[in-house]
Amino acid sequence: MNMKKLTVYAFIVLLAACNKNAAIEENPIDNGSLIDSKIKVSVKEYLNTQKLVLYCATQKAYPCVNYHINTEQNFKENNKLSVTFTGVPETQVCLTAIGPATAEIDLSTLRNGQYVIELNNLGVKNEGLLKISDTELILDFKDQKSIEIITPVTKRVTAQTYWGTIGYARASSENAVNQFIEKLKNIGAAFNKQVPGYYYHYQIDNDGAIVYDAQRSGYYFAKGLIFQYNAEESKLKNLIQTDGKELYKDDVYIGVFTYKGEQFYNWGK
């Protein structure tokens, strides 16, 4: 090979290498590094859309809180769903907070019934049952290798259920808060004991009361609320946003969530 041809050949090789490196810099994300962490699994229900998902998170913390777990999903015959966790790719936009990598497996197409489900991680197959009903979502796995079922039984929020918080800055506001709760009762709110269990959006203890940690609420004083309300919802919303507005002037903050995924507050519009 003469010197001219050798020079041309070297230029072509160098150009190909540059193009390859440019492509890598332009698109650095591939299928991701292999997962070296146990996967924690729970069931989540989006109330505003009635969407059900398996919420999956690595036990390991990553430098970016928005890291995603890659998965391969296959819905097989005989009501069998297979999910394999394949990797955790780096992200081009990093939300700089430490946290797990996560993924959501959409279960919206599954109707009430019983399904065989495989959750496969680190080359280990875990087979169990997913049971869906109007009242409960159950993940029944006898053996859990390389995964951890965080909430084996998740209760579903029933219709006409409302819950939330009343936070206030001074102990002297407690009488006004209690009077507001009486007004809720007067328009039809029923503060009955609830069915104990984990509901994802809240938790009910064995005495039928909502589990609420006032010390971690961010308020000096706070009460957790849960009730059923079957009357016209506009009356409930109006009470929170009118009578509640008066309480807001005294640093009383009312926030109520609804079984439809909506929220009512006594501040703002």
Protein backbone atom coordinates (compact mmCIF):
# COMPACT_ATOMS: atom_id res chain seq x y z
CA MET A 1 0.00 0.00 0.00
CA ASN A 2 1.56 3.34 -1.05
CA MET A 3 1.77 6.38 1.21
CA LYS A 4 -1.19 8.19 -0.42
CA LYS A 5 -3.55 5.21 0.02
CA LEU A 6 -2.32 4.69 3.59
CA THR A 7 -3.08 8.32 4.43
CA VAL A 8 -6.61 8.06 2.97
CA TYR A 9 -7.24 4.79 4.85
CA ALA A 10 -6.07 6.33 8.16
CA PHE A 11 -8.34 9.34 7.60
CA ILE A 12 -11.37 7.08 6.98
CA VAL A 13 -10.68 5.07 10.16
CA LEU A 14 -10.24 8.28 12.18
CA LEU A 15 -13.46 9.76 10.74
CA ALA A 16 -15.42 6.59 11.60
CA ALA A 17 -14.07 6.66 15.16
CA CYS A 18 -15.02 10.33 15.55
CA ASN A 19 -18.53 9.66 14.25
CA LYS A 20 -18.89 6.74 16.66
CA ASN A 21 -17.75 8.84 19.62
CA ALA A 22 -20.08 11.67 18.59
CA ALA A 23 -23.00 9.25 18.46
CA ILE A 24 -22.15 7.99 21.95
CA GLU A 25 -21.99 11.54 23.33
CA GLU A 26 -25.22 12.48 21.59
CA ASN A 27 -27.13 9.45 22.83
CA PRO A 28 -25.43 8.09 25.94
CA ILE A 29 -28.44 6.23 27.32
CA ASP A 30 -28.77 2.55 26.52
CA ASN A 31 -30.66 -0.24 28.25
CA GLY A 32 -28.87 0.61 31.46
CA SER A 33 -26.52 -1.11 33.82
CA LEU A 34 -27.63 -4.36 35.34
CA ILE A 35 -29.70 -4.00 38.49
CA ASP A 36 -27.78 -4.82 41.66
CA SER A 37 -30.61 -4.16 44.08
CA LYS A 38 -33.70 -5.76 45.53
CA ILE A 39 -36.94 -4.31 44.07
CA LYS A 40 -39.67 -3.16 46.46
CA VAL A 41 -43.19 -3.60 45.08
CA SER A 42 -46.57 -2.18 46.09
CA VAL A 43 -49.93 -1.46 44.43
CA LYS A 44 -51.06 2.10 43.77
CA GLU A 45 -54.44 3.41 42.64
CA TYR A 46 -54.85 6.80 40.97
CA LEU A 47 -58.28 7.88 42.17
CA ASN A 48 -58.85 10.55 39.52
CA THR A 49 -58.50 8.00 36.69
CA GLN A 50 -59.13 4.71 38.54
CA LYS A 51 -55.76 3.62 37.15
CA LEU A 52 -54.04 0.72 38.93
CA VAL A 53 -50.27 0.28 38.82
CA LEU A 54 -47.56 -1.82 40.39
CA TYR A 55 -45.20 0.73 41.90
CA CYS A 56 -41.65 -0.62 41.88
CA ALA A 57 -38.60 0.96 43.53
CA THR A 58 -35.03 -0.19 44.04
CA GLN A 59 -33.80 -0.70 47.57
CA LYS A 60 -30.61 0.97 46.42
CA ALA A 61 -30.45 4.78 46.34
CA TYR A 62 -29.15 6.52 43.20
CA PRO A 63 -27.62 10.01 42.79
CA CYS A 64 -30.63 11.21 40.76
CA VAL A 65 -34.11 10.79 42.18
CA ASN A 66 -35.61 10.49 38.68
CA TYR A 67 -33.75 7.31 37.67
CA HIS A 68 -36.07 4.81 35.95
CA ILE A 69 -36.10 1.01 36.03
CA ASN A 70 -36.27 -0.58 32.58
CA THR A 71 -38.67 -3.51 32.34
CA GLU A 72 -39.81 -6.15 29.89
CA GLN A 73 -43.51 -6.99 30.20
CA ASN A 74 -45.42 -9.86 28.70
CA PHE A 75 -49.07 -10.75 29.25
CA LYS A 76 -49.27 -14.45 28.54
CA GLU A 77 -52.12 -16.91 28.19
CA ASN A 78 -54.16 -18.05 31.17
CA ASN A 79 -54.16 -14.61 32.81
CA LYS A 80 -50.42 -14.57 33.43
CA LEU A 81 -48.40 -11.34 33.59
CA SER A 82 -44.60 -11.49 33.45
CA VAL A 83 -42.44 -8.50 34.43
CA THR A 84 -38.64 -8.64 34.22
CA PHE A 85 -36.54 -5.79 35.62
CA THR A 86 -33.69 -5.36 33.14
CA GLY A 87 -31.65 -2.33 34.11
CA VAL A 88 -31.32 1.22 35.42
CA PRO A 89 -30.12 3.61 32.71
CA GLU A 90 -28.49 6.93 33.47
CA THR A 91 -30.57 10.00 32.75
CA GLN A 92 -29.57 13.07 30.74
CA VAL A 93 -31.52 15.34 33.11
CA CYS A 94 -30.67 14.67 36.75
CA LEU A 95 -32.94 15.80 39.58
CA THR A 96 -30.16 16.13 42.11
CA ALA A 97 -31.60 14.35 45.10
CA ILE A 98 -30.72 10.87 46.27
CA GLY A 99 -33.49 8.33 45.82
CA PRO A 100 -34.47 4.94 44.39
CA ALA A 101 -34.96 4.16 40.72
CA THR A 102 -38.65 3.54 40.05
CA ALA A 103 -41.09 2.09 37.53
CA GLU A 104 -44.86 1.80 37.27
CA ILE A 105 -46.47 -1.26 35.68
CA ASP A 106 -49.89 -0.34 34.29
CA LEU A 107 -52.63 -2.75 35.41
CA SER A 108 -55.52 -0.72 34.04
CA THR A 109 -56.52 -3.39 31.52
CA LEU A 110 -57.01 -5.99 34.26
CA ARG A 111 -60.55 -6.46 35.53
CA ASN A 112 -61.56 -7.91 38.87
CA GLY A 113 -60.19 -11.41 39.15
CA GLN A 114 -57.11 -13.48 39.94
CA TYR A 115 -53.94 -13.37 37.87
CA VAL A 116 -50.66 -15.27 37.97
CA ILE A 117 -47.83 -12.75 38.05
CA GLU A 118 -44.08 -13.16 37.65
CA LEU A 119 -41.67 -10.56 39.03
CA ASN A 120 -38.17 -11.39 37.84
CA ASN A 121 -35.03 -9.67 39.09
CA LEU A 122 -31.32 -10.55 39.20
CA GLY A 123 -32.02 -13.70 37.19
CA VAL A 124 -34.45 -14.98 39.82
CA LYS A 125 -38.09 -15.76 39.01
CA ASN A 126 -40.76 -14.95 41.61
CA GLU A 127 -44.25 -16.25 40.89
CA GLY A 128 -47.32 -15.27 42.86
CA LEU A 129 -50.91 -14.12 42.53
CA LEU A 130 -52.45 -10.71 41.93
CA LYS A 131 -56.05 -10.58 43.19
CA ILE A 132 -58.21 -7.60 42.20
CA SER A 133 -61.65 -6.90 43.69
CA ASP A 134 -63.81 -3.87 44.40
CA THR A 135 -62.50 -3.71 47.97
CA GLU A 136 -58.92 -5.04 47.91
CA LEU A 137 -55.77 -5.40 45.86
CA ILE A 138 -53.69 -8.40 46.99
CA LEU A 139 -50.16 -9.44 46.05
CA ASP A 140 -49.74 -13.02 47.29
CA PHE A 141 -46.12 -14.18 46.97
CA LYS A 142 -45.01 -17.06 49.17
CA ASP A 143 -41.33 -16.68 48.25
CA GLN A 144 -39.70 -13.32 47.67
CA LYS A 145 -36.18 -13.49 46.27
CA SER A 146 -34.61 -10.29 44.97
CA ILE A 147 -37.99 -8.55 45.48
CA GLU A 148 -39.95 -7.38 48.51
CA ILE A 149 -43.74 -6.98 48.58
CA ILE A 150 -44.21 -3.88 50.72
CA THR A 151 -48.02 -3.98 50.91
CA PRO A 152 -49.45 -7.49 50.42
CA VAL A 153 -53.00 -6.15 50.94
CA THR A 154 -54.09 -2.70 49.79
CA LYS A 155 -57.65 -1.64 50.55
CA ARG A 156 -59.49 0.39 47.92
CA VAL A 157 -60.99 3.76 48.79
CA THR A 158 -64.77 3.42 48.84
CA ALA A 159 -67.20 5.84 47.22
CA GLN A 160 -68.26 8.91 49.23
CA THR A 161 -65.11 8.78 51.37
CA TYR A 162 -63.31 12.03 52.28
CA TRP A 163 -60.18 12.53 54.37
CA GLY A 164 -57.69 15.21 55.19
CA THR A 165 -56.18 17.52 57.77
CA ILE A 166 -57.03 20.55 59.87
CA GLY A 167 -53.83 22.26 60.98
CA TYR A 168 -53.67 25.30 63.24
CA ALA A 169 -51.05 27.49 64.84
CA ARG A 170 -52.48 28.11 68.32
CA ALA A 171 -54.05 25.83 70.91
CA SER A 172 -56.73 28.48 71.42
CA SER A 173 -58.06 27.68 67.91
CA GLU A 174 -59.15 24.17 68.94
CA ASN A 175 -62.67 25.26 69.90
CA ALA A 176 -63.17 26.86 66.47
CA VAL A 177 -61.82 23.70 64.81
CA ASN A 178 -64.24 21.51 66.76
CA GLN A 179 -67.11 23.82 65.83
CA PHE A 180 -66.18 23.44 62.17
CA ILE A 181 -66.23 19.64 62.53
CA GLU A 182 -69.73 19.94 64.01
CA LYS A 183 -70.76 21.94 60.95
CA LEU A 184 -69.47 19.10 58.77
CA LYS A 185 -71.68 16.70 60.71
CA ASN A 186 -74.67 19.06 60.37
CA ILE A 187 -74.50 18.92 56.55
CA GLY A 188 -74.29 15.11 56.56
CA ALA A 189 -70.67 14.08 57.18
CA ALA A 190 -70.60 10.74 59.05
CA PHE A 191 -67.51 10.23 61.20
CA ASN A 192 -67.93 6.47 61.62
CA LYS A 193 -65.27 3.87 62.29
CA GLN A 194 -63.52 2.75 59.11
CA VAL A 195 -62.43 -0.72 58.01
CA PRO A 196 -58.86 -1.20 59.29
CA GLY A 197 -56.10 -1.55 56.74
CA TYR A 198 -53.67 0.14 54.38
CA TYR A 199 -55.36 2.23 51.66
CA TYR A 200 -52.23 3.71 49.99
CA HIS A 201 -53.65 7.24 50.41
CA TYR A 202 -54.12 6.75 54.13
CA GLN A 203 -54.10 4.06 56.79
CA ILE A 204 -56.79 2.97 59.28
CA ASP A 205 -55.80 1.48 62.63
CA ASN A 206 -57.45 -1.43 64.41
CA ASP A 207 -59.83 0.95 66.20
CA GLY A 208 -61.19 2.23 62.88
CA ALA A 209 -59.48 5.64 63.13
CA ILE A 210 -57.23 7.28 60.57
CA VAL A 211 -53.52 7.01 61.34
CA TYR A 212 -52.17 10.53 61.59
CA ASP A 213 -48.85 11.79 62.97
CA ALA A 214 -49.53 15.36 64.09
CA GLN A 215 -45.88 15.89 65.04
CA ARG A 216 -44.82 15.39 61.42
CA SER A 217 -47.67 17.36 59.90
CA GLY A 218 -45.76 20.65 59.68
CA TYR A 219 -48.31 22.38 61.95
CA TYR A 220 -48.06 23.24 65.64
CA PHE A 221 -51.39 21.47 66.12
CA ALA A 222 -53.31 19.21 63.74
CA LYS A 223 -56.20 16.76 63.45
CA GLY A 224 -56.61 14.00 60.88
CA LEU A 225 -60.09 13.60 59.39
CA ILE A 226 -61.93 10.83 57.60
CA PHE A 227 -65.66 10.62 56.96
CA GLN A 228 -68.35 9.54 54.53
CA TYR A 229 -70.55 12.11 52.84
CA ASN A 230 -73.53 11.21 50.64
CA ALA A 231 -75.19 14.60 50.22
CA GLU A 232 -74.60 17.22 47.55
CA GLU A 233 -70.84 17.67 47.27
CA SER A 234 -71.11 21.37 46.47
CA LYS A 235 -72.35 21.95 50.05
CA LEU A 236 -69.24 20.33 51.45
CA LYS A 237 -66.96 22.30 49.16
CA ASN A 238 -68.80 25.52 49.93
CA LEU A 239 -68.52 24.96 53.69
CA ILE A 240 -64.75 24.47 53.42
CA GLN A 241 -64.29 27.49 51.19
CA THR A 242 -66.62 29.90 53.05
CA ASP A 243 -66.65 29.07 56.76
CA GLY A 244 -63.17 27.69 56.28
CA LYS A 245 -62.04 31.05 54.89
CA GLU A 246 -62.94 32.71 58.18
CA LEU A 247 -60.87 30.14 60.05
CA TYR A 248 -58.00 30.66 57.63
CA LYS A 249 -57.69 34.23 58.89
CA ASP A 250 -56.79 32.73 62.27
CA ASP A 251 -54.11 30.47 60.77
CA VAL A 252 -56.33 27.40 60.49
CA TYR A 253 -55.60 25.33 57.38
CA ILE A 254 -58.16 22.83 56.06
CA GLY A 255 -57.37 20.34 53.32
CA VAL A 256 -59.77 17.57 52.28
CA PHE A 257 -59.18 14.86 49.65
CA THR A 258 -62.04 13.09 47.89
CA TYR A 259 -62.59 9.52 46.68
CA LYS A 260 -62.58 10.95 43.14
CA GLY A 261 -59.04 12.29 43.47
CA GLU A 262 -60.04 15.92 43.99
CA GLN A 263 -58.92 18.30 46.75
CA PHE A 264 -60.73 21.06 48.65
CA TYR A 265 -58.85 23.76 50.58
CA ASN A 266 -59.84 26.83 52.59
CA TRP A 267 -57.09 28.91 50.98
CA GLY A 268 -56.75 30.16 47.44
CA LYS A 269 -59.76 30.26 45.13
